[in-house]
Amino acid sequence: MATTLEPESPRKATPLQVAKAVLSAFIGIRRRAAHEHDAVTLSPVQVIVAGVIAAAILVLSLVMLVRTITS
């Protein structure tokens, strides 16, 4: 009796895990084990959306900071 083992599909990352991965990439700090885990659980769409949102928040906060300082 032969049983075939189907590969377990990787779990999807939670929004908090995606945000953590993107923010650590912005800063430039990431452990190899965490990177390898993220490569399996994160989808490219999740990373792109989170990156665009994080970049927009960064730009808007810098614009607000400059306006506050110059006023």
PDB file of N, CA and C in Angstrom:
ATOM      1  N   MET A   1       0.849  -1.161   0.000  1.00  0.00           N
ATOM      2  CA  MET A   1       0.000   0.000   0.000  1.00  0.00           C
ATOM      3  C   MET A   1       0.906   1.238   0.000  1.00  0.00           C
ATOM      4  N   ALA A   2       0.887   1.920  -1.082  1.00  0.00           N
ATOM      5  CA  ALA A   2       1.728   3.103  -1.232  1.00  0.00           C
ATOM      6  C   ALA A   2       0.893   4.348  -1.002  1.00  0.00           C
ATOM      7  N   THR A   3       1.410   5.200  -0.175  1.00  0.00           N
ATOM      8  CA  THR A   3       0.730   6.478   0.039  1.00  0.00           C
ATOM      9  C   THR A   3       1.602   7.575  -0.538  1.00  0.00           C
ATOM     10  N   THR A   4       0.961   8.487  -1.188  1.00  0.00           N
ATOM     11  CA  THR A   4       1.703   9.616  -1.750  1.00  0.00           C
ATOM     12  C   THR A   4       1.578  10.786  -0.800  1.00  0.00           C
ATOM     13  N   LEU A   5       2.685  11.347  -0.498  1.00  0.00           N
ATOM     14  CA  LEU A   5       2.694  12.523   0.361  1.00  0.00           C
ATOM     15  C   LEU A   5       2.636  13.761  -0.499  1.00  0.00           C
ATOM     16  N   GLU A   6       1.589  14.504  -0.338  1.00  0.00           N
ATOM     17  CA  GLU A   6       1.464  15.749  -1.077  1.00  0.00           C
ATOM     18  C   GLU A   6       2.209  16.832  -0.314  1.00  0.00           C
ATOM     19  N   PRO A   7       2.939  17.668  -1.036  1.00  0.00           N
ATOM     20  CA  PRO A   7       3.650  18.736  -0.326  1.00  0.00           C
ATOM     21  C   PRO A   7       2.657  19.688   0.321  1.00  0.00           C
ATOM     22  N   GLU A   8       2.966  20.028   1.548  1.00  0.00           N
ATOM     23  CA  GLU A   8       2.098  20.941   2.285  1.00  0.00           C
ATOM     24  C   GLU A   8       2.233  22.337   1.706  1.00  0.00           C
ATOM     25  N   SER A   9       1.111  22.944   1.381  1.00  0.00           N
ATOM     26  CA  SER A   9       1.172  24.293   0.823  1.00  0.00           C
ATOM     27  C   SER A   9       1.545  25.271   1.927  1.00  0.00           C
ATOM     28  N   PRO A  10       2.420  26.218   1.607  1.00  0.00           N
ATOM     29  CA  PRO A  10       2.850  27.167   2.635  1.00  0.00           C
ATOM     30  C   PRO A  10       1.695  28.067   3.054  1.00  0.00           C
ATOM     31  N   ARG A  11       1.693  28.399   4.325  1.00  0.00           N
ATOM     32  CA  ARG A  11       0.650  29.283   4.834  1.00  0.00           C
ATOM     33  C   ARG A  11       0.895  30.700   4.352  1.00  0.00           C
ATOM     34  N   LYS A  12      -0.184  31.427   4.178  1.00  0.00           N
ATOM     35  CA  LYS A  12      -0.076  32.841   3.803  1.00  0.00           C
ATOM     36  C   LYS A  12       0.351  33.647   5.017  1.00  0.00           C
ATOM     37  N   ALA A  13       1.100  34.673   4.765  1.00  0.00           N
ATOM     38  CA  ALA A  13       1.560  35.545   5.840  1.00  0.00           C
ATOM     39  C   ALA A  13       0.431  36.474   6.273  1.00  0.00           C
ATOM     40  N   THR A  14       0.444  36.821   7.539  1.00  0.00           N
ATOM     41  CA  THR A  14      -0.543  37.759   8.059  1.00  0.00           C
ATOM     42  C   THR A  14      -0.118  39.176   7.670  1.00  0.00           C
ATOM     43  N   PRO A  15      -1.046  40.121   7.704  1.00  0.00           N
ATOM     44  CA  PRO A  15      -0.674  41.500   7.380  1.00  0.00           C
ATOM     45  C   PRO A  15       0.429  42.051   8.287  1.00  0.00           C
ATOM     46  N   LEU A  16       0.456  41.639   9.537  1.00  0.00           N
ATOM     47  CA  LEU A  16       1.510  42.089  10.446  1.00  0.00           C
ATOM     48  C   LEU A  16       2.871  41.544  10.013  1.00  0.00           C
ATOM     49  N   GLN A  17       2.922  40.294   9.580  1.00  0.00           N
ATOM     50  CA  GLN A  17       4.170  39.712   9.104  1.00  0.00           C
ATOM     51  C   GLN A  17       4.649  40.407   7.834  1.00  0.00           C
ATOM     52  N   VAL A  18       3.712  40.764   6.956  1.00  0.00           N
ATOM     53  CA  VAL A  18       4.069  41.467   5.722  1.00  0.00           C
ATOM     54  C   VAL A  18       4.633  42.844   6.057  1.00  0.00           C
ATOM     55  N   ALA A  19       3.961  43.557   6.961  1.00  0.00           N
ATOM     56  CA  ALA A  19       4.434  44.888   7.354  1.00  0.00           C
ATOM     57  C   ALA A  19       5.813  44.807   7.996  1.00  0.00           C
ATOM     58  N   LYS A  20       6.025  43.817   8.831  1.00  0.00           N
ATOM     59  CA  LYS A  20       7.324  43.640   9.485  1.00  0.00           C
ATOM     60  C   LYS A  20       8.415  43.375   8.448  1.00  0.00           C
ATOM     61  N   ALA A  21       8.129  42.547   7.468  1.00  0.00           N
ATOM     62  CA  ALA A  21       9.116  42.227   6.433  1.00  0.00           C
ATOM     63  C   ALA A  21       9.442  43.453   5.583  1.00  0.00           C
ATOM     64  N   VAL A  22       8.418  44.219   5.215  1.00  0.00           N
ATOM     65  CA  VAL A  22       8.636  45.397   4.368  1.00  0.00           C
ATOM     66  C   VAL A  22       9.376  46.491   5.137  1.00  0.00           C
ATOM     67  N   LEU A  23       8.996  46.733   6.371  1.00  0.00           N
ATOM     68  CA  LEU A  23       9.664  47.777   7.152  1.00  0.00           C
ATOM     69  C   LEU A  23      11.110  47.410   7.451  1.00  0.00           C
ATOM     70  N   SER A  24      11.372  46.146   7.715  1.00  0.00           N
ATOM     71  CA  SER A  24      12.764  45.757   7.945  1.00  0.00           C
ATOM     72  C   SER A  24      13.571  45.853   6.661  1.00  0.00           C
ATOM     73  N   ALA A  25      12.932  45.657   5.518  1.00  0.00           N
ATOM     74  CA  ALA A  25      13.620  45.837   4.237  1.00  0.00           C
ATOM     75  C   ALA A  25      13.919  47.316   3.992  1.00  0.00           C
ATOM     76  N   PHE A  26      13.003  48.206   4.405  1.00  0.00           N
ATOM     77  CA  PHE A  26      13.245  49.642   4.273  1.00  0.00           C
ATOM     78  C   PHE A  26      14.467  50.050   5.088  1.00  0.00           C
ATOM     79  N   ILE A  27      14.565  49.518   6.285  1.00  0.00           N
ATOM     80  CA  ILE A  27      15.670  49.861   7.180  1.00  0.00           C
ATOM     81  C   ILE A  27      16.951  49.155   6.754  1.00  0.00           C
ATOM     82  N   GLY A  28      16.806  47.962   6.224  1.00  0.00           N
ATOM     83  CA  GLY A  28      17.965  47.212   5.758  1.00  0.00           C
ATOM     84  C   GLY A  28      18.477  46.183   6.740  1.00  0.00           C
ATOM     85  N   ILE A  29      17.642  45.822   7.698  1.00  0.00           N
ATOM     86  CA  ILE A  29      18.048  44.800   8.647  1.00  0.00           C
ATOM     87  C   ILE A  29      17.130  43.594   8.483  1.00  0.00           C
ATOM     88  N   ARG A  30      17.724  42.445   8.305  1.00  0.00           N
ATOM     89  CA  ARG A  30      16.936  41.226   8.143  1.00  0.00           C
ATOM     90  C   ARG A  30      17.829  40.034   8.392  1.00  0.00           C
ATOM     91  N   ARG A  31      17.380  39.095   9.160  1.00  0.00           N
ATOM     92  CA  ARG A  31      18.136  37.872   9.392  1.00  0.00           C
ATOM     93  C   ARG A  31      17.892  36.900   8.249  1.00  0.00           C
ATOM     94  N   ARG A  32      18.859  36.073   7.995  1.00  0.00           N
ATOM     95  CA  ARG A  32      18.762  35.118   6.884  1.00  0.00           C
ATOM     96  C   ARG A  32      17.580  34.158   7.082  1.00  0.00           C
ATOM     97  N   ALA A  33      17.393  33.667   8.286  1.00  0.00           N
ATOM     98  CA  ALA A  33      16.301  32.731   8.547  1.00  0.00           C
ATOM     99  C   ALA A  33      14.945  33.395   8.324  1.00  0.00           C
ATOM    100  N   ALA A  34      14.822  34.646   8.746  1.00  0.00           N
ATOM    101  CA  ALA A  34      13.567  35.369   8.552  1.00  0.00           C
ATOM    102  C   ALA A  34      13.328  35.629   7.069  1.00  0.00           C
ATOM    103  N   HIS A  35      14.388  35.937   6.351  1.00  0.00           N
ATOM    104  CA  HIS A  35      14.260  36.168   4.911  1.00  0.00           C
ATOM    105  C   HIS A  35      13.813  34.894   4.196  1.00  0.00           C
ATOM    106  N   GLU A  36      14.404  33.777   4.550  1.00  0.00           N
ATOM    107  CA  GLU A  36      14.035  32.517   3.924  1.00  0.00           C
ATOM    108  C   GLU A  36      12.596  32.126   4.260  1.00  0.00           C
ATOM    109  N   HIS A  37      12.169  32.399   5.486  1.00  0.00           N
ATOM    110  CA  HIS A  37      10.785  32.115   5.873  1.00  0.00           C
ATOM    111  C   HIS A  37       9.827  33.008   5.084  1.00  0.00           C
ATOM    112  N   ASP A  38      10.184  34.287   4.935  1.00  0.00           N
ATOM    113  CA  ASP A  38       9.335  35.208   4.182  1.00  0.00           C
ATOM    114  C   ASP A  38       9.253  34.835   2.713  1.00  0.00           C
ATOM    115  N   ALA A  39      10.327  34.303   2.164  1.00  0.00           N
ATOM    116  CA  ALA A  39      10.322  33.919   0.761  1.00  0.00           C
ATOM    117  C   ALA A  39       9.297  32.831   0.489  1.00  0.00           C
ATOM    118  N   VAL A  40       8.995  32.032   1.496  1.00  0.00           N
ATOM    119  CA  VAL A  40       8.027  30.952   1.332  1.00  0.00           C
ATOM    120  C   VAL A  40       6.608  31.439   1.598  1.00  0.00           C
ATOM    121  N   THR A  41       6.425  32.315   2.570  1.00  0.00           N
ATOM    122  CA  THR A  41       5.072  32.679   2.998  1.00  0.00           C
ATOM    123  C   THR A  41       4.518  33.940   2.330  1.00  0.00           C
ATOM    124  N   LEU A  42       5.375  34.850   1.910  1.00  0.00           N
ATOM    125  CA  LEU A  42       4.890  36.099   1.321  1.00  0.00           C
ATOM    126  C   LEU A  42       4.656  35.936  -0.173  1.00  0.00           C
ATOM    127  N   SER A  43       3.571  36.533  -0.632  1.00  0.00           N
ATOM    128  CA  SER A  43       3.334  36.553  -2.077  1.00  0.00           C
ATOM    129  C   SER A  43       3.818  37.894  -2.624  1.00  0.00           C
ATOM    130  N   PRO A  44       4.202  37.930  -3.887  1.00  0.00           N
ATOM    131  CA  PRO A  44       4.682  39.195  -4.463  1.00  0.00           C
ATOM    132  C   PRO A  44       3.649  40.320  -4.385  1.00  0.00           C
ATOM    133  N   VAL A  45       2.385  39.984  -4.530  1.00  0.00           N
ATOM    134  CA  VAL A  45       1.338  41.012  -4.463  1.00  0.00           C
ATOM    135  C   VAL A  45       1.301  41.636  -3.079  1.00  0.00           C
ATOM    136  N   GLN A  46       1.420  40.812  -2.032  1.00  0.00           N
ATOM    137  CA  GLN A  46       1.419  41.339  -0.668  1.00  0.00           C
ATOM    138  C   GLN A  46       2.581  42.296  -0.453  1.00  0.00           C
ATOM    139  N   VAL A  47       3.745  41.927  -0.934  1.00  0.00           N
ATOM    140  CA  VAL A  47       4.938  42.744  -0.740  1.00  0.00           C
ATOM    141  C   VAL A  47       4.821  44.058  -1.509  1.00  0.00           C
ATOM    142  N   ILE A  48       4.333  44.006  -2.732  1.00  0.00           N
ATOM    143  CA  ILE A  48       4.203  45.220  -3.551  1.00  0.00           C
ATOM    144  C   ILE A  48       3.210  46.189  -2.922  1.00  0.00           C
ATOM    145  N   VAL A  49       2.056  45.685  -2.514  1.00  0.00           N
ATOM    146  CA  VAL A  49       1.037  46.556  -1.911  1.00  0.00           C
ATOM    147  C   VAL A  49       1.561  47.169  -0.610  1.00  0.00           C
ATOM    148  N   ALA A  50       2.167  46.355   0.233  1.00  0.00           N
ATOM    149  CA  ALA A  50       2.702  46.867   1.499  1.00  0.00           C
ATOM    150  C   ALA A  50       3.835  47.861   1.252  1.00  0.00           C
ATOM    151  N   GLY A  51       4.664  47.623   0.251  1.00  0.00           N
ATOM    152  CA  GLY A  51       5.754  48.544  -0.068  1.00  0.00           C
ATOM    153  C   GLY A  51       5.253  49.886  -0.561  1.00  0.00           C
ATOM    154  N   VAL A  52       4.235  49.865  -1.402  1.00  0.00           N
ATOM    155  CA  VAL A  52       3.657  51.116  -1.907  1.00  0.00           C
ATOM    156  C   VAL A  52       3.024  51.903  -0.767  1.00  0.00           C
ATOM    157  N   ILE A  53       2.309  51.210   0.104  1.00  0.00           N
ATOM    158  CA  ILE A  53       1.678  51.891   1.245  1.00  0.00           C
ATOM    159  C   ILE A  53       2.744  52.478   2.178  1.00  0.00           C
ATOM    160  N   ALA A  54       3.783  51.711   2.467  1.00  0.00           N
ATOM    161  CA  ALA A  54       4.847  52.200   3.348  1.00  0.00           C
ATOM    162  C   ALA A  54       5.583  53.383   2.728  1.00  0.00           C
ATOM    163  N   ALA A  55       5.827  53.335   1.425  1.00  0.00           N
ATOM    164  CA  ALA A  55       6.502  54.449   0.752  1.00  0.00           C
ATOM    165  C   ALA A  55       5.627  55.695   0.772  1.00  0.00           C
ATOM    166  N   ALA A  56       4.333  55.531   0.565  1.00  0.00           N
ATOM    167  CA  ALA A  56       3.420  56.675   0.597  1.00  0.00           C
ATOM    168  C   ALA A  56       3.380  57.304   1.988  1.00  0.00           C
ATOM    169  N   ILE A  57       3.344  56.470   3.013  1.00  0.00           N
ATOM    170  CA  ILE A  57       3.347  56.987   4.383  1.00  0.00           C
ATOM    171  C   ILE A  57       4.651  57.720   4.678  1.00  0.00           C
ATOM    172  N   LEU A  58       5.769  57.176   4.229  1.00  0.00           N
ATOM    173  CA  LEU A  58       7.062  57.825   4.438  1.00  0.00           C
ATOM    174  C   LEU A  58       7.119  59.187   3.752  1.00  0.00           C
ATOM    175  N   VAL A  59       6.704  59.256   2.502  1.00  0.00           N
ATOM    176  CA  VAL A  59       6.738  60.512   1.754  1.00  0.00           C
ATOM    177  C   VAL A  59       5.801  61.538   2.382  1.00  0.00           C
ATOM    178  N   LEU A  60       4.591  61.122   2.727  1.00  0.00           N
ATOM    179  CA  LEU A  60       3.642  62.060   3.330  1.00  0.00           C
ATOM    180  C   LEU A  60       4.127  62.576   4.683  1.00  0.00           C
ATOM    181  N   SER A  61       4.738  61.702   5.468  1.00  0.00           N
ATOM    182  CA  SER A  61       5.242  62.166   6.763  1.00  0.00           C
ATOM    183  C   SER A  61       6.412  63.124   6.594  1.00  0.00           C
ATOM    184  N   LEU A  62       7.266  62.902   5.603  1.00  0.00           N
ATOM    185  CA  LEU A  62       8.362  63.838   5.352  1.00  0.00           C
ATOM    186  C   LEU A  62       7.841  65.189   4.868  1.00  0.00           C
ATOM    187  N   VAL A  63       6.841  65.181   4.003  1.00  0.00           N
ATOM    188  CA  VAL A  63       6.254  66.426   3.521  1.00  0.00           C
ATOM    189  C   VAL A  63       5.633  67.192   4.696  1.00  0.00           C
ATOM    190  N   MET A  64       4.917  66.489   5.561  1.00  0.00           N
ATOM    191  CA  MET A  64       4.307  67.153   6.725  1.00  0.00           C
ATOM    192  C   MET A  64       5.374  67.700   7.662  1.00  0.00           C
ATOM    193  N   LEU A  65       6.468  66.974   7.846  1.00  0.00           N
ATOM    194  CA  LEU A  65       7.545  67.428   8.708  1.00  0.00           C
ATOM    195  C   LEU A  65       8.190  68.693   8.145  1.00  0.00           C
ATOM    196  N   VAL A  66       8.443  68.720   6.850  1.00  0.00           N
ATOM    197  CA  VAL A  66       9.064  69.897   6.219  1.00  0.00           C
ATOM    198  C   VAL A  66       8.130  71.090   6.306  1.00  0.00           C
ATOM    199  N   ARG A  67       6.844  70.883   6.069  1.00  0.00           N
ATOM    200  CA  ARG A  67       5.877  71.985   6.162  1.00  0.00           C
ATOM    201  C   ARG A  67       5.798  72.525   7.579  1.00  0.00           C
ATOM    202  N   THR A  68       5.875  71.642   8.561  1.00  0.00           N
ATOM    203  CA  THR A  68       5.831  72.090   9.954  1.00  0.00           C
ATOM    204  C   THR A  68       7.075  72.902  10.319  1.00  0.00           C
ATOM    205  N   ILE A  69       8.201  72.430   9.862  1.00  0.00           N
ATOM    206  CA  ILE A  69       9.458  73.126  10.177  1.00  0.00           C
ATOM    207  C   ILE A  69       9.540  74.474   9.471  1.00  0.00           C
ATOM    208  N   THR A  70       9.106  74.549   8.225  1.00  0.00           N
ATOM    209  CA  THR A  70       9.229  75.795   7.465  1.00  0.00           C
ATOM    210  C   THR A  70       8.153  76.805   7.757  1.00  0.00           C
ATOM    211  N   SER A  71       7.112  76.425   8.465  1.00  0.00           N
ATOM    212  CA  SER A  71       6.048  77.402   8.740  1.00  0.00           C
ATOM    213  C   SER A  71       6.297  78.179  10.013  1.00  0.00           C
TER     214      SER A  71
END
